[in-house]
Amino acid sequence: MTCCWAWFVFKLLLCESFAELVKYLVLRPEGGSATKSFPSLSITL
């Protein structure tokens, strides 16, 4: 049962980070808006 929960949480985190990445890539061409929306992301990248 613990394994199932771990997999569920892992999938949830993966989907969340993937969604953030997609949002970042979508907003990026607009010029600067991505940096305002994701300041932490621009610092890491």
N, C-alpha and C. Protein backbone atom coordinates (compact mmCIF):
# COMPACT_ATOMS: atom_id res chain seq x y z
N MET A 1 0.84 -1.22 0.00
CA MET A 1 0.00 0.00 0.00
C MET A 1 0.87 1.26 0.00
N THR A 2 1.97 1.22 0.74
CA THR A 2 2.87 2.37 0.80
C THR A 2 3.47 2.67 -0.57
N CYS A 3 3.74 1.61 -1.31
CA CYS A 3 4.30 1.76 -2.65
C CYS A 3 3.33 2.50 -3.56
N CYS A 4 2.07 2.16 -3.46
CA CYS A 4 1.03 2.81 -4.27
C CYS A 4 0.96 4.30 -3.96
N TRP A 5 1.04 4.64 -2.68
CA TRP A 5 1.00 6.04 -2.28
C TRP A 5 2.22 6.80 -2.78
N ALA A 6 3.37 6.15 -2.68
CA ALA A 6 4.62 6.76 -3.15
C ALA A 6 4.55 7.03 -4.66
N TRP A 7 4.01 6.08 -5.40
CA TRP A 7 3.87 6.23 -6.85
C TRP A 7 2.90 7.35 -7.19
N PHE A 8 1.81 7.42 -6.43
CA PHE A 8 0.80 8.46 -6.65
C PHE A 8 1.40 9.85 -6.42
N VAL A 9 2.14 10.00 -5.33
CA VAL A 9 2.77 11.28 -5.00
C VAL A 9 3.81 11.64 -6.05
N PHE A 10 4.58 10.63 -6.48
CA PHE A 10 5.61 10.84 -7.50
C PHE A 10 4.98 11.33 -8.81
N LYS A 11 3.91 10.67 -9.22
CA LYS A 11 3.20 11.05 -10.44
C LYS A 11 2.63 12.46 -10.32
N LEU A 12 2.10 12.78 -9.16
CA LEU A 12 1.51 14.09 -8.92
C LEU A 12 2.58 15.19 -9.05
N LEU A 13 3.74 14.97 -8.43
CA LEU A 13 4.83 15.93 -8.50
C LEU A 13 5.35 16.06 -9.92
N LEU A 14 5.43 14.96 -10.62
CA LEU A 14 5.91 14.95 -11.99
C LEU A 14 4.96 15.75 -12.89
N CYS A 15 3.67 15.54 -12.72
CA CYS A 15 2.67 16.27 -13.50
C CYS A 15 2.71 17.76 -13.19
N GLU A 16 2.90 18.09 -11.92
CA GLU A 16 2.96 19.49 -11.51
C GLU A 16 4.15 20.20 -12.15
N SER A 17 5.33 19.60 -12.06
CA SER A 17 6.52 20.20 -12.63
C SER A 17 6.43 20.27 -14.15
N PHE A 18 5.80 19.26 -14.76
CA PHE A 18 5.61 19.25 -16.21
C PHE A 18 4.68 20.38 -16.64
N ALA A 19 3.63 20.59 -15.87
CA ALA A 19 2.68 21.67 -16.15
C ALA A 19 3.37 23.03 -16.05
N GLU A 20 4.23 23.19 -15.05
CA GLU A 20 4.98 24.44 -14.88
C GLU A 20 5.90 24.67 -16.07
N LEU A 21 6.54 23.61 -16.52
CA LEU A 21 7.45 23.69 -17.66
C LEU A 21 6.70 24.08 -18.93
N VAL A 22 5.54 23.47 -19.13
CA VAL A 22 4.72 23.78 -20.30
C VAL A 22 4.27 25.24 -20.26
N LYS A 23 3.83 25.68 -19.09
CA LYS A 23 3.41 27.07 -18.94
C LYS A 23 4.56 28.02 -19.25
N TYR A 24 5.74 27.68 -18.75
CA TYR A 24 6.93 28.49 -18.98
C TYR A 24 7.25 28.58 -20.46
N LEU A 25 7.21 27.44 -21.14
CA LEU A 25 7.51 27.40 -22.57
C LEU A 25 6.46 28.15 -23.40
N VAL A 26 5.21 28.09 -22.96
CA VAL A 26 4.13 28.77 -23.66
C VAL A 26 4.25 30.29 -23.49
N LEU A 27 4.59 30.72 -22.28
CA LEU A 27 4.67 32.15 -22.01
C LEU A 27 5.96 32.78 -22.53
N ARG A 28 6.97 31.97 -22.74
CA ARG A 28 8.30 32.45 -23.11
C ARG A 28 8.33 33.35 -24.36
N PRO A 29 7.69 32.97 -25.48
CA PRO A 29 7.76 33.80 -26.67
C PRO A 29 7.16 35.21 -26.52
N GLU A 30 6.32 35.38 -25.52
CA GLU A 30 5.69 36.69 -25.30
C GLU A 30 6.68 37.75 -24.83
N GLY A 31 7.86 37.33 -24.45
CA GLY A 31 8.93 38.26 -24.12
C GLY A 31 8.86 38.84 -22.72
N GLY A 32 9.53 38.20 -21.78
CA GLY A 32 9.64 38.73 -20.43
C GLY A 32 8.52 38.32 -19.48
N SER A 33 7.37 37.94 -20.01
CA SER A 33 6.24 37.57 -19.16
C SER A 33 6.53 36.32 -18.36
N ALA A 34 7.32 35.41 -18.94
CA ALA A 34 7.67 34.16 -18.27
C ALA A 34 8.54 34.46 -17.05
N THR A 35 9.43 35.45 -17.18
CA THR A 35 10.32 35.81 -16.08
C THR A 35 9.52 36.41 -14.92
N LYS A 36 8.47 37.15 -15.25
CA LYS A 36 7.62 37.74 -14.21
C LYS A 36 6.78 36.66 -13.52
N SER A 37 6.30 35.71 -14.31
CA SER A 37 5.45 34.66 -13.76
C SER A 37 6.24 33.65 -12.95
N PHE A 38 7.47 33.33 -13.45
CA PHE A 38 8.30 32.33 -12.78
C PHE A 38 9.68 32.88 -12.49
N PRO A 39 9.80 33.77 -11.48
CA PRO A 39 11.12 34.31 -11.17
C PRO A 39 12.11 33.24 -10.71
N SER A 40 11.62 32.28 -9.94
CA SER A 40 12.47 31.21 -9.44
C SER A 40 12.96 30.32 -10.57
N LEU A 41 12.09 30.13 -11.59
CA LEU A 41 12.43 29.28 -12.72
C LEU A 41 13.52 29.93 -13.57
N SER A 42 13.43 31.24 -13.74
CA SER A 42 14.43 31.94 -14.54
C SER A 42 15.79 31.95 -13.84
N ILE A 43 15.78 31.93 -12.51
CA ILE A 43 17.02 31.89 -11.74
C ILE A 43 17.70 30.53 -11.89
N THR A 44 16.89 29.47 -11.81
CA THR A 44 17.44 28.12 -11.93
C THR A 44 17.93 27.83 -13.34
N LEU A 45 17.25 28.40 -14.35
CA LEU A 45 17.65 28.20 -15.75
C LEU A 45 18.52 29.36 -16.21
